[in-house]
PDB file of N, CA and C in Angstrom:
ATOM      1  N   UNK A   1       0.880  -1.322   0.019  1.00  0.00           N
ATOM      2  CA  UNK A   1       0.182   0.004  -0.081  1.00  0.00           C
ATOM      3  C   UNK A   1       1.038   1.291  -0.134  1.00  0.00           C
ATOM      4  N   UNK A   2       0.526   2.170  -0.927  1.00  0.00           N
ATOM      5  CA  UNK A   2       1.197   3.504  -0.913  1.00  0.00           C
ATOM      6  C   UNK A   2       0.382   4.747  -0.502  1.00  0.00           C
ATOM      7  N   UNK A   3       0.873   5.786  -0.355  1.00  0.00           N
ATOM      8  CA  UNK A   3       0.282   7.011  -0.146  1.00  0.00           C
ATOM      9  C   UNK A   3       1.027   8.222  -0.173  1.00  0.00           C
ATOM     10  N   UNK A   4       0.489   9.289  -0.540  1.00  0.00           N
ATOM     11  CA  UNK A   4       1.297  10.490  -0.795  1.00  0.00           C
ATOM     12  C   UNK A   4       1.688  10.965   0.616  1.00  0.00           C
ATOM     13  N   UNK A   5       2.746  11.839   0.642  1.00  0.00           N
ATOM     14  CA  UNK A   5       2.981  12.325   1.991  1.00  0.00           C
ATOM     15  C   UNK A   5       2.143  13.431   2.616  1.00  0.00           C
ATOM     16  N   UNK A   6       1.326  13.696   1.779  1.00  0.00           N
ATOM     17  CA  UNK A   6       0.288  14.677   1.991  1.00  0.00           C
ATOM     18  C   UNK A   6      -0.914  14.029   2.875  1.00  0.00           C
ATOM     19  N   UNK A   7      -0.893  12.723   2.823  1.00  0.00           N
ATOM     20  CA  UNK A   7      -1.809  12.032   4.029  1.00  0.00           C
ATOM     21  C   UNK A   7      -1.376  12.421   5.252  1.00  0.00           C
ATOM     22  N   UNK A   8      -0.010  12.050   5.697  1.00  0.00           N
ATOM     23  CA  UNK A   8       0.446  12.492   6.774  1.00  0.00           C
ATOM     24  C   UNK A   8       0.123  13.790   7.300  1.00  0.00           C
ATOM     25  N   UNK A   9       0.481  14.932   6.460  1.00  0.00           N
ATOM     26  CA  UNK A   9       0.253  16.207   6.789  1.00  0.00           C
ATOM     27  C   UNK A   9      -1.225  16.233   7.068  1.00  0.00           C
ATOM     28  N   UNK A  10      -2.084  15.768   6.436  1.00  0.00           N
ATOM     29  CA  UNK A  10      -3.576  16.096   6.676  1.00  0.00           C
ATOM     30  C   UNK A  10      -4.080  15.300   8.026  1.00  0.00           C
ATOM     31  N   UNK A  11      -3.602  14.164   8.314  1.00  0.00           N
ATOM     32  CA  UNK A  11      -3.911  13.584   9.396  1.00  0.00           C
ATOM     33  C   UNK A  11      -3.482  14.405  10.829  1.00  0.00           C
ATOM     34  N   UNK A  12      -2.145  14.939  10.861  1.00  0.00           N
ATOM     35  CA  UNK A  12      -1.605  15.775  11.739  1.00  0.00           C
ATOM     36  C   UNK A  12      -2.325  17.132  11.721  1.00  0.00           C
ATOM     37  N   UNK A  13      -2.744  17.625  10.761  1.00  0.00           N
ATOM     38  CA  UNK A  13      -3.373  19.030  10.435  1.00  0.00           C
ATOM     39  C   UNK A  13      -4.891  18.777  11.309  1.00  0.00           C
ATOM     40  N   UNK A  14      -5.374  17.753  11.193  1.00  0.00           N
ATOM     41  CA  UNK A  14      -6.824  17.508  11.768  1.00  0.00           C
ATOM     42  C   UNK A  14      -6.662  16.683  13.026  1.00  0.00           C
ATOM     43  N   UNK A  15      -5.675  16.762  13.705  1.00  0.00           N
ATOM     44  CA  UNK A  15      -5.269  15.879  15.005  1.00  0.00           C
ATOM     45  C   UNK A  15      -6.109  16.101  15.972  1.00  0.00           C
ATOM     46  N   UNK A  16      -6.580  17.603  16.389  1.00  0.00           N
ATOM     47  CA  UNK A  16      -7.494  17.900  17.357  1.00  0.00           C
ATOM     48  C   UNK A  16      -8.989  17.472  17.181  1.00  0.00           C
ATOM     49  N   UNK A  17      -9.382  17.694  15.715  1.00  0.00           N
ATOM     50  CA  UNK A  17     -10.540  17.282  15.256  1.00  0.00           C
ATOM     51  C   UNK A  17     -10.814  15.871  15.412  1.00  0.00           C
ATOM     52  N   UNK A  18      -9.917  15.001  15.214  1.00  0.00           N
ATOM     53  CA  UNK A  18     -10.105  13.521  15.192  1.00  0.00           C
ATOM     54  C   UNK A  18      -9.998  13.145  16.799  1.00  0.00           C
ATOM     55  N   UNK A  19      -9.161  13.940  17.621  1.00  0.00           N
ATOM     56  CA  UNK A  19      -9.323  13.529  19.153  1.00  0.00           C
ATOM     57  C   UNK A  19     -10.384  13.628  19.706  1.00  0.00           C
ATOM     58  N   UNK A  20     -11.010  14.927  19.292  1.00  0.00           N
ATOM     59  CA  UNK A  20     -12.271  15.275  19.784  1.00  0.00           C
ATOM     60  C   UNK A  20     -13.353  14.229  19.514  1.00  0.00           C
ATOM     61  N   UNK A  21     -13.641  13.925  18.177  1.00  0.00           N
ATOM     62  CA  UNK A  21     -14.439  12.965  17.547  1.00  0.00           C
ATOM     63  C   UNK A  21     -14.324  11.532  18.319  1.00  0.00           C
ATOM     64  N   UNK A  22     -13.084  11.235  18.618  1.00  0.00           N
ATOM     65  CA  UNK A  22     -12.754   9.819  19.214  1.00  0.00           C
ATOM     66  C   UNK A  22     -12.840   9.918  20.637  1.00  0.00           C
ATOM     67  N   UNK A  23     -12.946  11.306  21.310  1.00  0.00           N
ATOM     68  CA  UNK A  23     -12.843  11.198  22.671  1.00  0.00           C
ATOM     69  C   UNK A  23     -11.355  10.745  23.527  1.00  0.00           C
ATOM     70  N   UNK A  24     -10.559  10.790  22.714  1.00  0.00           N
ATOM     71  CA  UNK A  24      -8.952  10.762  23.094  1.00  0.00           C
ATOM     72  C   UNK A  24      -8.199  11.715  22.972  1.00  0.00           C
ATOM     73  N   UNK A  25      -6.721  11.770  23.495  1.00  0.00           N
ATOM     74  CA  UNK A  25      -6.170  12.944  23.585  1.00  0.00           C
ATOM     75  C   UNK A  25      -5.460  13.086  22.325  1.00  0.00           C
ATOM     76  N   UNK A  26      -4.793  14.364  21.997  1.00  0.00           N
ATOM     77  CA  UNK A  26      -4.196  14.446  20.776  1.00  0.00           C
ATOM     78  C   UNK A  26      -2.827  13.714  20.509  1.00  0.00           C
ATOM     79  N   UNK A  27      -2.204  13.673  21.485  1.00  0.00           N
ATOM     80  CA  UNK A  27      -1.111  12.736  21.677  1.00  0.00           C
ATOM     81  C   UNK A  27      -1.653  11.333  21.347  1.00  0.00           C
ATOM     82  N   UNK A  28      -2.563  10.764  21.745  1.00  0.00           N
ATOM     83  CA  UNK A  28      -3.061   9.550  21.506  1.00  0.00           C
ATOM     84  C   UNK A  28      -3.256   9.497  20.038  1.00  0.00           C
ATOM     85  N   UNK A  29      -3.817  10.455  19.488  1.00  0.00           N
ATOM     86  CA  UNK A  29      -4.136  10.524  17.925  1.00  0.00           C
ATOM     87  C   UNK A  29      -2.963  10.470  17.225  1.00  0.00           C
ATOM     88  N   UNK A  30      -1.822  11.194  17.662  1.00  0.00           N
ATOM     89  CA  UNK A  30      -0.760  11.322  17.040  1.00  0.00           C
ATOM     90  C   UNK A  30       0.167   9.864  17.004  1.00  0.00           C
ATOM     91  N   UNK A  31       0.146   8.998  18.280  1.00  0.00           N
ATOM     92  CA  UNK A  31       0.398   7.740  18.511  1.00  0.00           C
ATOM     93  C   UNK A  31      -0.338   6.840  17.342  1.00  0.00           C
ATOM     94  N   UNK A  32      -1.532   6.968  17.284  1.00  0.00           N
ATOM     95  CA  UNK A  32      -2.232   6.245  16.319  1.00  0.00           C
ATOM     96  C   UNK A  32      -1.970   6.289  14.863  1.00  0.00           C
ATOM     97  N   UNK A  33      -1.725   7.667  14.469  1.00  0.00           N
ATOM     98  CA  UNK A  33      -1.161   8.080  13.172  1.00  0.00           C
ATOM     99  C   UNK A  33      -0.114   7.275  13.105  1.00  0.00           C
ATOM    100  N   UNK A  34       1.012   7.358  13.865  1.00  0.00           N
ATOM    101  CA  UNK A  34       2.427   6.781  13.597  1.00  0.00           C
ATOM    102  C   UNK A  34       2.376   5.333  13.353  1.00  0.00           C
ATOM    103  N   UNK A  35       1.484   4.614  14.305  1.00  0.00           N
ATOM    104  CA  UNK A  35       1.479   3.139  14.290  1.00  0.00           C
ATOM    105  C   UNK A  35       0.611   2.787  12.695  1.00  0.00           C
ATOM    106  N   UNK A  36      -0.507   3.558  12.576  1.00  0.00           N
ATOM    107  CA  UNK A  36      -1.072   3.460  11.519  1.00  0.00           C
ATOM    108  C   UNK A  36      -0.431   3.351  10.020  1.00  0.00           C
ATOM    109  N   UNK A  37       0.448   4.266   9.847  1.00  0.00           N
ATOM    110  CA  UNK A  37       1.149   4.428   8.736  1.00  0.00           C
ATOM    111  C   UNK A  37       2.512   3.670   8.471  1.00  0.00           C
ATOM    112  N   UNK A  38       2.719   3.024   9.517  1.00  0.00           N
ATOM    113  CA  UNK A  38       3.989   1.977   9.374  1.00  0.00           C
ATOM    114  C   UNK A  38       4.126   1.185   8.203  1.00  0.00           C
ATOM    115  N   UNK A  39       2.864   0.673   7.975  1.00  0.00           N
ATOM    116  CA  UNK A  39       2.944  -0.558   6.870  1.00  0.00           C
ATOM    117  C   UNK A  39       2.568   0.284   5.447  1.00  0.00           C
ATOM    118  N   UNK A  40       2.443   1.580   5.493  1.00  0.00           N
ATOM    119  CA  UNK A  40       2.177   2.272   4.074  1.00  0.00           C
ATOM    120  C   UNK A  40       3.570   2.961   3.734  1.00  0.00           C
ATOM    121  N   UNK A  41       3.899   2.735   2.393  1.00  0.00           N
ATOM    122  CA  UNK A  41       4.934   3.240   1.605  1.00  0.00           C
ATOM    123  C   UNK A  41       4.570   4.978   1.387  1.00  0.00           C
ATOM    124  N   UNK A  42       5.304   5.662   2.213  1.00  0.00           N
ATOM    125  CA  UNK A  42       4.948   7.243   1.964  1.00  0.00           C
ATOM    126  C   UNK A  42       5.687   7.895   0.857  1.00  0.00           C
ATOM    127  N   UNK A  43       4.855   8.342  -0.193  1.00  0.00           N
ATOM    128  CA  UNK A  43       5.843   8.792  -1.273  1.00  0.00           C
ATOM    129  C   UNK A  43       5.783  10.261  -1.387  1.00  0.00           C
ATOM    130  N   UNK A  44       7.070  10.770  -1.494  1.00  0.00           N
ATOM    131  CA  UNK A  44       7.332  12.031  -1.216  1.00  0.00           C
ATOM    132  C   UNK A  44       6.906  12.988  -2.539  1.00  0.00           C
ATOM    133  N   UNK A  45       6.500  14.182  -2.386  1.00  0.00           N
ATOM    134  CA  UNK A  45       5.599  14.966  -3.400  1.00  0.00           C
ATOM    135  C   UNK A  45       6.641  14.997  -4.628  1.00  0.00           C
ATOM    136  N   UNK A  46       7.853  15.183  -4.557  1.00  0.00           N
ATOM    137  CA  UNK A  46       8.697  15.294  -5.709  1.00  0.00           C
ATOM    138  C   UNK A  46       8.564  14.178  -6.583  1.00  0.00           C
ATOM    139  N   UNK A  47       8.113  12.984  -6.142  1.00  0.00           N
ATOM    140  CA  UNK A  47       7.735  11.680  -6.956  1.00  0.00           C
ATOM    141  C   UNK A  47       6.386  11.980  -7.945  1.00  0.00           C
ATOM    142  N   UNK A  48       5.604  12.631  -7.659  1.00  0.00           N
ATOM    143  CA  UNK A  48       4.400  12.697  -8.234  1.00  0.00           C
ATOM    144  C   UNK A  48       3.958  14.221  -8.505  1.00  0.00           C
ATOM    145  N   UNK A  49       4.778  15.353  -8.557  1.00  0.00           N
ATOM    146  CA  UNK A  49       4.400  16.584  -8.731  1.00  0.00           C
ATOM    147  C   UNK A  49       4.034  16.835 -10.219  1.00  0.00           C
ATOM    148  N   UNK A  50       4.728  16.132 -11.018  1.00  0.00           N
ATOM    149  CA  UNK A  50       4.908  16.386 -12.600  1.00  0.00           C
ATOM    150  C   UNK A  50       3.215  16.022 -12.973  1.00  0.00           C
ATOM    151  N   UNK A  51       2.629  15.023 -12.474  1.00  0.00           N
ATOM    152  CA  UNK A  51       1.259  14.593 -12.572  1.00  0.00           C
ATOM    153  C   UNK A  51       0.081  15.370 -11.896  1.00  0.00           C
ATOM    154  N   UNK A  52       0.699  16.504 -11.285  1.00  0.00           N
ATOM    155  CA  UNK A  52      -0.501  17.024 -10.528  1.00  0.00           C
ATOM    156  C   UNK A  52      -1.407  17.866 -11.284  1.00  0.00           C
ATOM    157  N   UNK A  53      -0.863  18.487 -12.310  1.00  0.00           N
ATOM    158  CA  UNK A  53      -1.809  19.195 -13.473  1.00  0.00           C
ATOM    159  C   UNK A  53      -2.781  18.296 -14.033  1.00  0.00           C
ATOM    160  N   UNK A  54      -2.432  17.181 -14.508  1.00  0.00           N
ATOM    161  CA  UNK A  54      -3.241  16.222 -15.035  1.00  0.00           C
ATOM    162  C   UNK A  54      -4.342  15.525 -13.941  1.00  0.00           C
ATOM    163  N   UNK A  55      -3.873  15.538 -12.699  1.00  0.00           N
ATOM    164  CA  UNK A  55      -4.587  14.974 -11.628  1.00  0.00           C
ATOM    165  C   UNK A  55      -5.703  15.918 -11.395  1.00  0.00           C
ATOM    166  N   UNK A  56      -5.687  17.236 -11.339  1.00  0.00           N
ATOM    167  CA  UNK A  56      -6.384  18.234 -11.142  1.00  0.00           C
ATOM    168  C   UNK A  56      -7.584  18.354 -11.985  1.00  0.00           C
ATOM    169  N   UNK A  57      -7.207  17.871 -13.465  1.00  0.00           N
ATOM    170  CA  UNK A  57      -8.165  17.956 -14.419  1.00  0.00           C
ATOM    171  C   UNK A  57      -9.029  16.994 -14.348  1.00  0.00           C
ATOM    172  N   UNK A  58      -8.506  15.770 -13.935  1.00  0.00           N
ATOM    173  CA  UNK A  58      -9.166  14.588 -13.915  1.00  0.00           C
ATOM    174  C   UNK A  58     -10.210  14.486 -12.576  1.00  0.00           C
ATOM    175  N   UNK A  59      -9.903  15.357 -11.381  1.00  0.00           N
ATOM    176  CA  UNK A  59     -10.636  15.280 -10.212  1.00  0.00           C
ATOM    177  C   UNK A  59     -11.088  16.852 -10.074  1.00  0.00           C
ATOM    178  N   UNK A  60     -12.082  17.171 -10.870  1.00  0.00           N
ATOM    179  CA  UNK A  60     -12.461  18.564 -11.007  1.00  0.00           C
ATOM    180  C   UNK A  60     -13.430  18.970  -9.778  1.00  0.00           C
ATOM    181  N   UNK A  61     -13.989  17.892  -9.197  1.00  0.00           N
ATOM    182  CA  UNK A  61     -14.863  18.133  -8.080  1.00  0.00           C
ATOM    183  C   UNK A  61     -14.228  18.269  -6.994  1.00  0.00           C
ATOM    184  N   UNK A  62     -13.009  17.911  -6.703  1.00  0.00           N
ATOM    185  CA  UNK A  62     -12.341  17.780  -5.357  1.00  0.00           C
ATOM    186  C   UNK A  62     -10.882  18.080  -5.516  1.00  0.00           C
ATOM    187  N   UNK A  63     -10.244  19.119  -5.672  1.00  0.00           N
ATOM    188  CA  UNK A  63      -8.751  19.338  -6.039  1.00  0.00           C
ATOM    189  C   UNK A  63      -7.978  18.701  -4.993  1.00  0.00           C
ATOM    190  N   UNK A  64      -8.365  18.683  -3.559  1.00  0.00           N
ATOM    191  CA  UNK A  64      -7.630  17.924  -2.763  1.00  0.00           C
ATOM    192  C   UNK A  64      -7.263  16.473  -3.036  1.00  0.00           C
ATOM    193  N   UNK A  65      -8.297  15.858  -3.572  1.00  0.00           N
ATOM    194  CA  UNK A  65      -8.072  14.550  -4.030  1.00  0.00           C
ATOM    195  C   UNK A  65      -6.862  14.363  -5.061  1.00  0.00           C
ATOM    196  N   UNK A  66      -6.687  15.422  -5.700  1.00  0.00           N
ATOM    197  CA  UNK A  66      -5.796  15.410  -6.758  1.00  0.00           C
ATOM    198  C   UNK A  66      -4.252  14.665  -6.379  1.00  0.00           C
ATOM    199  N   UNK A  67      -3.834  14.991  -5.261  1.00  0.00           N
ATOM    200  CA  UNK A  67      -2.803  14.439  -4.769  1.00  0.00           C
ATOM    201  C   UNK A  67      -2.803  13.112  -4.873  1.00  0.00           C
ATOM    202  N   UNK A  68      -3.718  12.439  -4.293  1.00  0.00           N
ATOM    203  CA  UNK A  68      -3.868  11.040  -4.248  1.00  0.00           C
ATOM    204  C   UNK A  68      -3.686  10.342  -5.643  1.00  0.00           C
ATOM    205  N   UNK A  69      -4.513  11.017  -6.625  1.00  0.00           N
ATOM    206  CA  UNK A  69      -4.525  10.555  -8.052  1.00  0.00           C
ATOM    207  C   UNK A  69      -3.066  10.891  -8.697  1.00  0.00           C
ATOM    208  N   UNK A  70      -2.508  12.009  -8.543  1.00  0.00           N
ATOM    209  CA  UNK A  70      -1.186  12.250  -9.036  1.00  0.00           C
ATOM    210  C   UNK A  70      -0.216  11.222  -8.596  1.00  0.00           C
ATOM    211  N   UNK A  71      -0.156  10.813  -7.226  1.00  0.00           N
ATOM    212  CA  UNK A  71       0.655   9.733  -6.873  1.00  0.00           C
ATOM    213  C   UNK A  71       0.615   8.355  -7.531  1.00  0.00           C
ATOM    214  N   UNK A  72      -1.059   8.002  -7.586  1.00  0.00           N
ATOM    215  CA  UNK A  72      -1.246   6.961  -8.368  1.00  0.00           C
ATOM    216  C   UNK A  72      -0.865   6.917  -9.657  1.00  0.00           C
ATOM    217  N   UNK A  73      -0.922   7.947 -10.502  1.00  0.00           N
ATOM    218  CA  UNK A  73      -0.459   8.180 -11.955  1.00  0.00           C
ATOM    219  C   UNK A  73       1.234   8.062 -11.818  1.00  0.00           C
ATOM    220  N   UNK A  74       1.647   8.525 -11.032  1.00  0.00           N
ATOM    221  CA  UNK A  74       3.379   8.556 -11.175  1.00  0.00           C
ATOM    222  C   UNK A  74       3.753   7.019 -10.876  1.00  0.00           C
ATOM    223  N   UNK A  75       3.148   6.448  -9.866  1.00  0.00           N
ATOM    224  CA  UNK A  75       3.580   4.822  -9.570  1.00  0.00           C
ATOM    225  C   UNK A  75       2.957   3.928 -10.735  1.00  0.00           C
ATOM    226  N   UNK A  76       2.175   4.475 -11.547  1.00  0.00           N
ATOM    227  CA  UNK A  76       1.401   3.565 -12.485  1.00  0.00           C
ATOM    228  C   UNK A  76       0.826   2.342 -11.622  1.00  0.00           C
ATOM    229  N   UNK A  77       0.205   2.856 -10.473  1.00  0.00           N
ATOM    230  CA  UNK A  77      -0.711   1.976  -9.661  1.00  0.00           C
ATOM    231  C   UNK A  77      -1.942   1.380 -10.505  1.00  0.00           C
ATOM    232  N   UNK A  78      -2.390   0.311  -9.890  1.00  0.00           N
ATOM    233  CA  UNK A  78      -3.692  -0.368 -10.674  1.00  0.00           C
ATOM    234  C   UNK A  78      -4.841   0.389 -10.461  1.00  0.00           C
ATOM    235  N   UNK A  79      -4.649   1.342  -9.375  1.00  0.00           N
ATOM    236  CA  UNK A  79      -6.145   1.989  -9.059  1.00  0.00           C
ATOM    237  C   UNK A  79      -5.983   2.794  -7.854  1.00  0.00           C
ATOM    238  N   UNK A  80      -7.071   3.433  -7.459  1.00  0.00           N
ATOM    239  CA  UNK A  80      -7.114   4.020  -6.145  1.00  0.00           C
ATOM    240  C   UNK A  80      -8.538   3.305  -5.304  1.00  0.00           C
ATOM    241  N   UNK A  81      -8.127   2.982  -3.973  1.00  0.00           N
ATOM    242  CA  UNK A  81      -9.027   2.194  -3.081  1.00  0.00           C
ATOM    243  C   UNK A  81      -9.933   3.483  -2.488  1.00  0.00           C
ATOM    244  N   UNK A  82     -10.993   3.570  -2.569  1.00  0.00           N
ATOM    245  CA  UNK A  82     -11.850   4.694  -1.770  1.00  0.00           C
ATOM    246  C   UNK A  82     -13.193   4.107  -1.764  1.00  0.00           C
ATOM    247  N   UNK A  83     -13.978   4.998  -0.878  1.00  0.00           N
ATOM    248  CA  UNK A  83     -15.329   5.009  -0.880  1.00  0.00           C
ATOM    249  C   UNK A  83     -15.939   6.309  -1.429  1.00  0.00           C
ATOM    250  N   UNK A  84     -15.117   7.232  -2.030  1.00  0.00           N
ATOM    251  CA  UNK A  84     -15.521   8.437  -2.611  1.00  0.00           C
ATOM    252  C   UNK A  84     -16.010   8.068  -4.036  1.00  0.00           C
ATOM    253  N   UNK A  85     -17.221   8.395  -4.161  1.00  0.00           N
ATOM    254  CA  UNK A  85     -18.092   8.307  -5.545  1.00  0.00           C
ATOM    255  C   UNK A  85     -17.649   9.187  -6.672  1.00  0.00           C
ATOM    256  N   UNK A  86     -16.753  10.234  -6.220  1.00  0.00           N
ATOM    257  CA  UNK A  86     -16.171  11.166  -7.316  1.00  0.00           C
ATOM    258  C   UNK A  86     -15.277  10.510  -8.282  1.00  0.00           C
ATOM    259  N   UNK A  87     -14.786   9.418  -7.765  1.00  0.00           N
ATOM    260  CA  UNK A  87     -13.739   8.528  -8.684  1.00  0.00           C
ATOM    261  C   UNK A  87     -14.519   8.010  -9.525  1.00  0.00           C
ATOM    262  N   UNK A  88     -15.380   7.274  -9.541  1.00  0.00           N
ATOM    263  CA  UNK A  88     -16.219   6.355 -10.355  1.00  0.00           C
ATOM    264  C   UNK A  88     -16.733   7.100 -11.631  1.00  0.00           C
ATOM    265  N   UNK A  89     -16.201   6.307 -12.617  1.00  0.00           N
ATOM    266  CA  UNK A  89     -16.438   6.760 -13.864  1.00  0.00           C
ATOM    267  C   UNK A  89     -15.479   7.838 -14.526  1.00  0.00           C
ATOM    268  N   UNK A  90     -14.531   8.185 -13.753  1.00  0.00           N
ATOM    269  CA  UNK A  90     -13.438   9.031 -14.253  1.00  0.00           C
ATOM    270  C   UNK A  90     -12.330   8.352 -15.173  1.00  0.00           C
ATOM    271  N   UNK A  91     -12.225   8.894 -16.441  1.00  0.00           N
ATOM    272  CA  UNK A  91     -11.476   8.258 -17.375  1.00  0.00           C
ATOM    273  C   UNK A  91     -10.075   8.392 -16.817  1.00  0.00           C
ATOM    274  N   UNK A  92      -9.106   7.460 -16.721  1.00  0.00           N
ATOM    275  CA  UNK A  92      -7.951   7.420 -16.502  1.00  0.00           C
ATOM    276  C   UNK A  92      -7.764   7.289 -15.046  1.00  0.00           C
ATOM    277  N   UNK A  93      -8.937   6.867 -14.473  1.00  0.00           N
ATOM    278  CA  UNK A  93      -8.709   6.638 -12.954  1.00  0.00           C
ATOM    279  C   UNK A  93      -9.292   5.176 -12.792  1.00  0.00           C
ATOM    280  N   UNK A  94      -8.561   3.976 -12.152  1.00  0.00           N
ATOM    281  CA  UNK A  94      -9.257   2.987 -11.880  1.00  0.00           C
ATOM    282  C   UNK A  94      -9.807   3.116 -10.376  1.00  0.00           C
ATOM    283  N   UNK A  95     -11.083   2.676 -10.153  1.00  0.00           N
ATOM    284  CA  UNK A  95     -11.839   3.069  -8.981  1.00  0.00           C
ATOM    285  C   UNK A  95     -12.209   1.629  -8.483  1.00  0.00           C
ATOM    286  N   UNK A  96     -11.790   1.639  -7.190  1.00  0.00           N
ATOM    287  CA  UNK A  96     -12.382   0.589  -6.186  1.00  0.00           C
ATOM    288  C   UNK A  96     -13.198   0.901  -5.093  1.00  0.00           C
ATOM    289  N   UNK A  97     -14.325   1.179  -5.272  1.00  0.00           N
ATOM    290  CA  UNK A  97     -15.327   1.457  -4.265  1.00  0.00           C
ATOM    291  C   UNK A  97     -16.127   0.719  -3.787  1.00  0.00           C
ATOM    292  N   UNK A  98     -17.303   1.070  -2.929  1.00  0.00           N
ATOM    293  CA  UNK A  98     -18.138   0.222  -2.324  1.00  0.00           C
ATOM    294  C   UNK A  98     -19.012  -0.405  -3.368  1.00  0.00           C
ATOM    295  N   UNK A  99     -19.548  -1.610  -3.142  1.00  0.00           N
ATOM    296  CA  UNK A  99     -20.560  -2.331  -3.887  1.00  0.00           C
ATOM    297  C   UNK A  99     -21.694  -2.240  -3.259  1.00  0.00           C
ATOM    298  N   UNK A 100     -22.405  -1.097  -3.421  1.00  0.00           N
ATOM    299  CA  UNK A 100     -23.805  -0.785  -2.666  1.00  0.00           C
ATOM    300  C   UNK A 100     -24.729  -0.745  -3.797  1.00  0.00           C
TER     301      UNK A 100
END
């Protein structure tokens, strides 16, 4: 499993919100983040920045998601595993979402 470095930034950025929702301390959230990403290969932005413009064009509804698409494109991954239906039917993006 791989993820852009943006994932770590976003998790830590929202650490307080996560802590409040989970009813735990921000320190505990930080520990959970650290433990959760151990099995994930974190990709630095330098490795996917060339694909960013194309990814923004593909994901027009949510440019925040373009980072994940750019990372996927740069690594020539099989697809993106997500529950976000914005990915479904997008040409150039293999989508693996819920079967609802």
